[in-house]
Amino acid sequence: MPVTQTILNTIQSYLVGTNLYQIVEIGAVKDWSPYNAVCEVMFTEDDSDHWKLGGTIRDQQGFRVISAFNFTKQAPPVVVSQLITVRDTIVPLFQQHAYLGGVAGVQGSRVKPGSMKISWMLVNGDDYLAHEFVVQVHQVYSVPIGAQGI
């Protein structure tokens, strides 16, 4: 069976473990204003196909990781340095953990080519410099053969 929530929790755990953020949330942080370094992880891409006989399913999913740094409350060189440090730490982290630390059913993961972006965001009246990318994950699992005709 799919393990989407486990994948999301594992990605969050890796990001928390870097100690680079004041908060790392699945979904969204409701109020960014108390934080200078924010990270959100969201399930944003989903595809699935019946891969071969015997009920084998192949899912391809994308999990957006956005890191944002308060540009209004911090000096510009500090914010740029934070963004570069985070980028240089977390991108290789998700390129090297090809199986997300052994999560059952995950056959591979990587930073999705072409998904990295740097942008400005206005949140609660403050400007944030943000870096984002998608962690592309491939799951393979089998469903029981039965009355469903699989």
N, C-alpha and C. Protein backbone atom coordinates (compact mmCIF):
# COMPACT_ATOMS: atom_id res chain seq x y z
N MET A 1 0.83 -1.19 0.00
CA MET A 1 0.00 0.00 0.00
C MET A 1 0.88 1.26 0.00
N PRO A 2 0.34 2.36 -0.46
CA PRO A 2 1.11 3.60 -0.49
C PRO A 2 1.46 4.08 0.92
N VAL A 3 2.59 4.78 1.00
CA VAL A 3 3.08 5.29 2.28
C VAL A 3 3.33 6.80 2.20
N THR A 4 2.41 7.52 1.60
CA THR A 4 2.57 8.95 1.34
C THR A 4 2.80 9.75 2.62
N GLN A 5 2.04 9.48 3.68
CA GLN A 5 2.21 10.22 4.92
C GLN A 5 3.58 9.94 5.54
N THR A 6 4.06 8.71 5.45
CA THR A 6 5.38 8.37 5.97
C THR A 6 6.47 9.13 5.21
N ILE A 7 6.32 9.24 3.90
CA ILE A 7 7.27 10.00 3.09
C ILE A 7 7.29 11.46 3.53
N LEU A 8 6.12 12.04 3.68
CA LEU A 8 6.02 13.44 4.10
C LEU A 8 6.67 13.64 5.48
N ASN A 9 6.40 12.74 6.41
CA ASN A 9 7.00 12.82 7.74
C ASN A 9 8.52 12.67 7.70
N THR A 10 9.03 11.80 6.83
CA THR A 10 10.47 11.60 6.70
C THR A 10 11.15 12.84 6.13
N ILE A 11 10.55 13.45 5.13
CA ILE A 11 11.10 14.69 4.57
C ILE A 11 11.16 15.76 5.66
N GLN A 12 10.07 15.91 6.43
CA GLN A 12 10.05 16.88 7.51
C GLN A 12 11.16 16.57 8.53
N SER A 13 11.33 15.32 8.86
CA SER A 13 12.34 14.92 9.84
C SER A 13 13.75 15.29 9.36
N TYR A 14 14.05 15.06 8.08
CA TYR A 14 15.35 15.45 7.54
C TYR A 14 15.58 16.96 7.68
N LEU A 15 14.53 17.74 7.37
CA LEU A 15 14.65 19.20 7.43
C LEU A 15 14.81 19.70 8.86
N VAL A 16 14.06 19.14 9.79
CA VAL A 16 14.20 19.50 11.21
C VAL A 16 15.62 19.19 11.68
N GLY A 17 16.14 18.06 11.24
CA GLY A 17 17.47 17.62 11.64
C GLY A 17 18.61 18.52 11.21
N THR A 18 18.38 19.40 10.24
CA THR A 18 19.43 20.32 9.81
C THR A 18 19.65 21.46 10.79
N ASN A 19 18.65 21.72 11.64
CA ASN A 19 18.70 22.84 12.60
C ASN A 19 18.90 24.19 11.92
N LEU A 20 18.41 24.34 10.69
CA LEU A 20 18.55 25.59 9.94
C LEU A 20 17.31 26.47 9.99
N TYR A 21 16.23 25.95 10.53
CA TYR A 21 14.95 26.67 10.53
C TYR A 21 14.45 26.86 11.95
N GLN A 22 13.63 27.89 12.11
CA GLN A 22 12.94 28.08 13.38
C GLN A 22 11.67 27.24 13.43
N ILE A 23 11.11 26.92 12.26
CA ILE A 23 9.91 26.09 12.19
C ILE A 23 9.90 25.34 10.86
N VAL A 24 9.51 24.06 10.92
CA VAL A 24 9.32 23.23 9.72
C VAL A 24 7.95 22.59 9.86
N GLU A 25 7.05 22.93 8.94
CA GLU A 25 5.68 22.44 9.02
C GLU A 25 5.29 21.67 7.77
N ILE A 26 4.47 20.65 7.96
CA ILE A 26 3.83 19.98 6.83
C ILE A 26 2.60 20.80 6.49
N GLY A 27 2.44 21.11 5.22
CA GLY A 27 1.31 21.91 4.77
C GLY A 27 1.69 23.37 4.72
N ALA A 28 1.39 24.10 5.78
CA ALA A 28 1.68 25.52 5.78
C ALA A 28 1.83 26.03 7.20
N VAL A 29 2.67 27.06 7.34
CA VAL A 29 2.78 27.78 8.60
C VAL A 29 1.75 28.90 8.53
N LYS A 30 0.80 28.91 9.45
CA LYS A 30 -0.28 29.90 9.40
C LYS A 30 0.22 31.33 9.56
N ASP A 31 1.20 31.54 10.43
CA ASP A 31 1.70 32.89 10.69
C ASP A 31 3.23 32.87 10.66
N TRP A 32 3.81 33.44 9.61
CA TRP A 32 5.26 33.46 9.47
C TRP A 32 5.92 34.55 10.31
N SER A 33 5.15 35.54 10.77
CA SER A 33 5.74 36.74 11.37
C SER A 33 6.67 36.51 12.55
N PRO A 34 6.49 35.49 13.40
CA PRO A 34 7.44 35.32 14.51
C PRO A 34 8.78 34.71 14.08
N TYR A 35 8.92 34.31 12.83
CA TYR A 35 10.09 33.52 12.41
C TYR A 35 10.92 34.24 11.36
N ASN A 36 12.23 34.08 11.45
CA ASN A 36 13.12 34.58 10.42
C ASN A 36 13.45 33.49 9.40
N ALA A 37 13.33 32.22 9.78
CA ALA A 37 13.63 31.09 8.90
C ALA A 37 12.48 30.09 8.97
N VAL A 38 11.74 29.98 7.88
CA VAL A 38 10.53 29.16 7.81
C VAL A 38 10.70 28.09 6.73
N CYS A 39 10.16 26.89 6.99
CA CYS A 39 10.16 25.84 5.97
C CYS A 39 8.79 25.17 5.95
N GLU A 40 8.25 25.02 4.76
CA GLU A 40 6.99 24.32 4.57
C GLU A 40 7.20 23.17 3.59
N VAL A 41 6.56 22.04 3.88
CA VAL A 41 6.64 20.86 3.02
C VAL A 41 5.20 20.50 2.65
N MET A 42 4.94 20.36 1.36
CA MET A 42 3.57 20.09 0.92
C MET A 42 3.55 19.05 -0.19
N PHE A 43 2.60 18.16 -0.13
CA PHE A 43 2.33 17.17 -1.17
C PHE A 43 1.66 17.91 -2.32
N THR A 44 2.35 18.04 -3.48
CA THR A 44 1.84 18.89 -4.55
C THR A 44 1.67 18.21 -5.91
N GLU A 45 2.28 17.04 -6.10
CA GLU A 45 2.18 16.37 -7.40
C GLU A 45 1.84 14.90 -7.16
N ASP A 46 0.98 14.34 -8.01
CA ASP A 46 0.55 12.97 -7.80
C ASP A 46 0.21 12.32 -9.13
N ASP A 47 0.74 11.13 -9.33
CA ASP A 47 0.40 10.34 -10.51
C ASP A 47 0.56 8.86 -10.15
N SER A 48 -0.22 8.01 -10.78
CA SER A 48 -0.19 6.59 -10.46
C SER A 48 -0.56 5.80 -11.70
N ASP A 49 0.09 4.65 -11.88
CA ASP A 49 -0.32 3.77 -12.97
C ASP A 49 -0.17 2.31 -12.56
N HIS A 50 -0.99 1.48 -13.18
CA HIS A 50 -0.92 0.04 -13.01
C HIS A 50 0.25 -0.41 -13.87
N TRP A 51 1.32 -0.82 -13.23
CA TRP A 51 2.60 -0.98 -13.90
C TRP A 51 2.76 -2.31 -14.61
N LYS A 52 2.37 -3.41 -13.95
CA LYS A 52 2.53 -4.71 -14.60
C LYS A 52 1.53 -5.69 -13.99
N LEU A 53 1.46 -6.86 -14.58
CA LEU A 53 0.55 -7.89 -14.09
C LEU A 53 0.83 -8.23 -12.64
N GLY A 54 -0.17 -8.67 -11.95
CA GLY A 54 0.00 -9.04 -10.56
C GLY A 54 -0.36 -7.94 -9.60
N GLY A 55 -0.94 -6.87 -10.09
CA GLY A 55 -1.39 -5.80 -9.21
C GLY A 55 -0.31 -4.86 -8.74
N THR A 56 0.78 -4.70 -9.49
CA THR A 56 1.85 -3.78 -9.10
C THR A 56 1.49 -2.37 -9.56
N ILE A 57 1.55 -1.45 -8.62
CA ILE A 57 1.22 -0.05 -8.87
C ILE A 57 2.49 0.77 -8.72
N ARG A 58 2.64 1.74 -9.60
CA ARG A 58 3.78 2.66 -9.52
C ARG A 58 3.23 4.08 -9.34
N ASP A 59 3.58 4.69 -8.22
CA ASP A 59 3.20 6.07 -7.95
C ASP A 59 4.40 6.98 -8.14
N GLN A 60 4.16 8.13 -8.73
CA GLN A 60 5.18 9.18 -8.80
C GLN A 60 4.57 10.40 -8.13
N GLN A 61 5.23 10.86 -7.09
CA GLN A 61 4.69 11.97 -6.32
C GLN A 61 5.73 13.07 -6.16
N GLY A 62 5.24 14.28 -5.93
CA GLY A 62 6.13 15.42 -5.71
C GLY A 62 5.78 16.11 -4.40
N PHE A 63 6.82 16.46 -3.64
CA PHE A 63 6.65 17.13 -2.36
C PHE A 63 7.43 18.44 -2.42
N ARG A 64 6.71 19.55 -2.39
CA ARG A 64 7.36 20.86 -2.49
C ARG A 64 7.97 21.24 -1.15
N VAL A 65 9.24 21.65 -1.19
CA VAL A 65 9.95 22.15 -0.02
C VAL A 65 10.24 23.62 -0.28
N ILE A 66 9.68 24.49 0.56
CA ILE A 66 9.95 25.92 0.41
C ILE A 66 10.60 26.43 1.69
N SER A 67 11.74 27.09 1.51
CA SER A 67 12.48 27.71 2.61
C SER A 67 12.39 29.21 2.41
N ALA A 68 12.02 29.93 3.46
CA ALA A 68 11.85 31.38 3.33
C ALA A 68 12.51 32.10 4.50
N PHE A 69 13.09 33.27 4.20
CA PHE A 69 13.86 34.03 5.17
C PHE A 69 13.39 35.47 5.18
N ASN A 70 13.13 35.99 6.38
CA ASN A 70 12.55 37.31 6.53
C ASN A 70 13.55 38.39 6.13
N PHE A 71 13.23 39.06 5.01
CA PHE A 71 14.08 40.10 4.45
C PHE A 71 13.78 41.45 5.10
N THR A 72 12.59 41.60 5.65
CA THR A 72 12.20 42.86 6.28
C THR A 72 12.88 43.05 7.63
N LYS A 73 12.99 41.98 8.40
CA LYS A 73 13.50 42.07 9.77
C LYS A 73 14.99 41.73 9.90
N GLN A 74 15.64 41.37 8.80
CA GLN A 74 17.06 41.01 8.85
C GLN A 74 17.82 41.77 7.77
N ALA A 75 19.10 41.93 7.97
CA ALA A 75 19.94 42.61 6.99
C ALA A 75 20.04 41.76 5.72
N PRO A 76 20.03 42.39 4.55
CA PRO A 76 20.10 41.63 3.29
C PRO A 76 21.24 40.62 3.21
N PRO A 77 22.48 40.95 3.63
CA PRO A 77 23.54 39.93 3.55
C PRO A 77 23.24 38.70 4.42
N VAL A 78 22.57 38.90 5.56
CA VAL A 78 22.22 37.79 6.44
C VAL A 78 21.22 36.87 5.73
N VAL A 79 20.22 37.46 5.12
CA VAL A 79 19.19 36.68 4.43
C VAL A 79 19.78 35.90 3.26
N VAL A 80 20.60 36.54 2.47
CA VAL A 80 21.22 35.87 1.33
C VAL A 80 22.11 34.72 1.83
N SER A 81 22.86 34.95 2.88
CA SER A 81 23.70 33.90 3.45
C SER A 81 22.85 32.73 3.96
N GLN A 82 21.72 33.02 4.63
CA GLN A 82 20.82 31.96 5.10
C GLN A 82 20.30 31.14 3.92
N LEU A 83 19.87 31.82 2.87
CA LEU A 83 19.33 31.11 1.71
C LEU A 83 20.38 30.20 1.09
N ILE A 84 21.59 30.71 0.92
CA ILE A 84 22.66 29.91 0.31
C ILE A 84 23.03 28.72 1.20
N THR A 85 23.13 28.94 2.51
CA THR A 85 23.46 27.85 3.43
C THR A 85 22.41 26.76 3.38
N VAL A 86 21.15 27.15 3.41
CA VAL A 86 20.06 26.16 3.36
C VAL A 86 20.08 25.43 2.02
N ARG A 87 20.19 26.16 0.94
CA ARG A 87 20.21 25.53 -0.38
C ARG A 87 21.35 24.52 -0.48
N ASP A 88 22.54 24.93 -0.04
CA ASP A 88 23.71 24.06 -0.15
C ASP A 88 23.67 22.87 0.82
N THR A 89 22.80 22.92 1.81
CA THR A 89 22.65 21.82 2.76
C THR A 89 21.54 20.87 2.34
N ILE A 90 20.37 21.41 2.00
CA ILE A 90 19.22 20.52 1.80
C ILE A 90 19.12 19.93 0.40
N VAL A 91 19.61 20.61 -0.63
CA VAL A 91 19.54 20.02 -1.97
C VAL A 91 20.36 18.73 -2.03
N PRO A 92 21.64 18.72 -1.59
CA PRO A 92 22.38 17.46 -1.60
C PRO A 92 21.75 16.40 -0.68
N LEU A 93 21.13 16.83 0.41
CA LEU A 93 20.48 15.90 1.32
C LEU A 93 19.43 15.08 0.59
N PHE A 94 18.63 15.74 -0.24
CA PHE A 94 17.58 15.01 -0.95
C PHE A 94 18.08 14.36 -2.24
N GLN A 95 19.26 14.72 -2.71
CA GLN A 95 19.84 14.01 -3.85
C GLN A 95 20.52 12.72 -3.39
N GLN A 96 20.98 12.66 -2.13
CA GLN A 96 21.72 11.47 -1.68
C GLN A 96 20.85 10.44 -1.00
N HIS A 97 19.74 10.82 -0.40
CA HIS A 97 18.86 9.87 0.26
C HIS A 97 17.92 9.28 -0.78
N ALA A 98 18.47 8.47 -1.66
CA ALA A 98 17.72 7.97 -2.81
C ALA A 98 16.48 7.18 -2.42
N TYR A 99 16.48 6.59 -1.26
CA TYR A 99 15.33 5.79 -0.84
C TYR A 99 14.70 6.35 0.42
N LEU A 100 14.92 7.61 0.71
CA LEU A 100 14.37 8.26 1.90
C LEU A 100 14.60 7.44 3.15
N GLY A 101 15.83 7.04 3.35
CA GLY A 101 16.20 6.35 4.58
C GLY A 101 15.57 4.99 4.74
N GLY A 102 15.23 4.33 3.65
CA GLY A 102 14.68 2.99 3.74
C GLY A 102 13.18 2.92 3.93
N VAL A 103 12.45 3.98 3.60
CA VAL A 103 10.99 3.93 3.70
C VAL A 103 10.49 2.82 2.79
N ALA A 104 9.74 1.89 3.36
CA ALA A 104 9.24 0.73 2.61
C ALA A 104 8.44 1.17 1.39
N GLY A 105 8.75 0.57 0.25
CA GLY A 105 8.02 0.87 -0.98
C GLY A 105 8.61 1.98 -1.82
N VAL A 106 9.51 2.77 -1.25
CA VAL A 106 10.11 3.86 -2.02
C VAL A 106 11.26 3.28 -2.84
N GLN A 107 11.17 3.44 -4.15
CA GLN A 107 12.21 2.92 -5.03
C GLN A 107 13.18 3.98 -5.50
N GLY A 108 12.91 5.21 -5.16
CA GLY A 108 13.84 6.25 -5.54
C GLY A 108 13.26 7.62 -5.26
N SER A 109 14.14 8.58 -5.07
CA SER A 109 13.73 9.97 -4.90
C SER A 109 14.88 10.85 -5.30
N ARG A 110 14.55 12.07 -5.66
CA ARG A 110 15.57 13.04 -6.02
C ARG A 110 14.92 14.41 -6.14
N VAL A 111 15.74 15.43 -6.22
CA VAL A 111 15.22 16.75 -6.51
C VAL A 111 14.79 16.74 -7.97
N LYS A 112 13.55 17.09 -8.22
CA LYS A 112 13.02 17.09 -9.58
C LYS A 112 13.77 18.12 -10.43
N PRO A 113 14.37 17.67 -11.53
CA PRO A 113 15.08 18.61 -12.39
C PRO A 113 14.16 19.74 -12.86
N GLY A 114 14.68 20.96 -12.82
CA GLY A 114 13.93 22.12 -13.27
C GLY A 114 12.97 22.70 -12.23
N SER A 115 12.91 22.10 -11.04
CA SER A 115 11.93 22.57 -10.06
C SER A 115 12.46 23.65 -9.11
N MET A 116 13.76 23.86 -9.08
CA MET A 116 14.31 24.85 -8.13
C MET A 116 14.01 26.28 -8.59
N LYS A 117 13.57 27.09 -7.61
CA LYS A 117 13.24 28.50 -7.89
C LYS A 117 13.65 29.35 -6.70
N ILE A 118 14.03 30.57 -6.98
CA ILE A 118 14.25 31.58 -5.95
C ILE A 118 13.27 32.70 -6.25
N SER A 119 12.56 33.16 -5.22
CA SER A 119 11.54 34.18 -5.44
C SER A 119 11.36 35.04 -4.21
N TRP A 120 10.59 36.10 -4.38
CA TRP A 120 10.21 36.99 -3.28
C TRP A 120 8.76 36.71 -2.93
N MET A 121 8.48 36.76 -1.62
CA MET A 121 7.11 36.55 -1.16
C MET A 121 6.78 37.64 -0.15
N LEU A 122 5.54 38.10 -0.17
CA LEU A 122 5.05 39.05 0.82
C LEU A 122 4.09 38.29 1.72
N VAL A 123 4.44 38.15 3.00
CA VAL A 123 3.61 37.41 3.95
C VAL A 123 3.43 38.26 5.20
N ASN A 124 2.18 38.51 5.55
CA ASN A 124 1.86 39.30 6.75
C ASN A 124 2.60 40.64 6.78
N GLY A 125 2.76 41.26 5.63
CA GLY A 125 3.40 42.57 5.56
C GLY A 125 4.92 42.55 5.52
N ASP A 126 5.54 41.37 5.63
CA ASP A 126 6.99 41.26 5.57
C ASP A 126 7.43 40.63 4.25
N ASP A 127 8.56 41.08 3.74
CA ASP A 127 9.15 40.47 2.55
C ASP A 127 10.01 39.29 2.96
N TYR A 128 9.89 38.20 2.21
CA TYR A 128 10.70 37.00 2.43
C TYR A 128 11.40 36.62 1.14
N LEU A 129 12.64 36.22 1.25
CA LEU A 129 13.37 35.63 0.14
C LEU A 129 13.21 34.12 0.27
N ALA A 130 12.75 33.47 -0.80
CA ALA A 130 12.39 32.05 -0.72
C ALA A 130 13.14 31.21 -1.75
N HIS A 131 13.42 29.99 -1.34
CA HIS A 131 14.00 28.98 -2.23
C HIS A 131 13.08 27.78 -2.18
N GLU A 132 12.76 27.21 -3.33
CA GLU A 132 11.89 26.04 -3.33
C GLU A 132 12.31 25.03 -4.39
N PHE A 133 11.93 23.79 -4.14
CA PHE A 133 12.12 22.72 -5.11
C PHE A 133 11.15 21.60 -4.77
N VAL A 134 11.06 20.64 -5.69
CA VAL A 134 10.18 19.49 -5.51
C VAL A 134 11.04 18.24 -5.32
N VAL A 135 10.74 17.48 -4.26
CA VAL A 135 11.34 16.17 -4.07
C VAL A 135 10.44 15.19 -4.80
N GLN A 136 10.96 14.56 -5.84
CA GLN A 136 10.20 13.61 -6.65
C GLN A 136 10.44 12.20 -6.09
N VAL A 137 9.35 11.52 -5.73
CA VAL A 137 9.44 10.21 -5.09
C VAL A 137 8.70 9.17 -5.92
N HIS A 138 9.32 7.99 -6.05
CA HIS A 138 8.70 6.88 -6.76
C HIS A 138 8.42 5.76 -5.76
N GLN A 139 7.15 5.39 -5.68
CA GLN A 139 6.74 4.26 -4.83
C GLN A 139 6.27 3.13 -5.72
N VAL A 140 6.54 1.92 -5.31
CA VAL A 140 6.01 0.73 -5.99
C VAL A 140 5.42 -0.16 -4.91
N TYR A 141 4.20 -0.62 -5.15
CA TYR A 141 3.53 -1.50 -4.19
C TYR A 141 2.55 -2.39 -4.94
N SER A 142 2.13 -3.42 -4.27
CA SER A 142 1.16 -4.36 -4.88
C SER A 142 -0.14 -4.29 -4.11
N VAL A 143 -1.21 -4.47 -4.86
CA VAL A 143 -2.53 -4.58 -4.25
C VAL A 143 -2.99 -6.02 -4.39
N PRO A 144 -3.79 -6.50 -3.46
CA PRO A 144 -4.23 -7.89 -3.55
C PRO A 144 -5.03 -8.14 -4.82
N ILE A 145 -4.80 -9.29 -5.41
CA ILE A 145 -5.57 -9.69 -6.58
C ILE A 145 -6.86 -10.30 -6.07
N GLY A 146 -7.95 -9.88 -6.64
CA GLY A 146 -9.22 -10.40 -6.17
C GLY A 146 -10.36 -9.97 -7.06
N ALA A 147 -11.45 -9.70 -6.44
CA ALA A 147 -12.68 -9.37 -7.17
C ALA A 147 -12.55 -8.10 -7.98
N GLN A 148 -11.55 -7.25 -7.67
CA GLN A 148 -11.38 -6.01 -8.42
C GLN A 148 -10.91 -6.28 -9.85
N GLY A 149 -10.45 -7.48 -10.13
CA GLY A 149 -10.01 -7.82 -11.48
C GLY A 149 -8.63 -7.30 -11.81
N ILE A 150 -7.82 -7.05 -10.83
CA ILE A 150 -6.48 -6.53 -11.08
C ILE A 150 -5.56 -7.63 -11.58
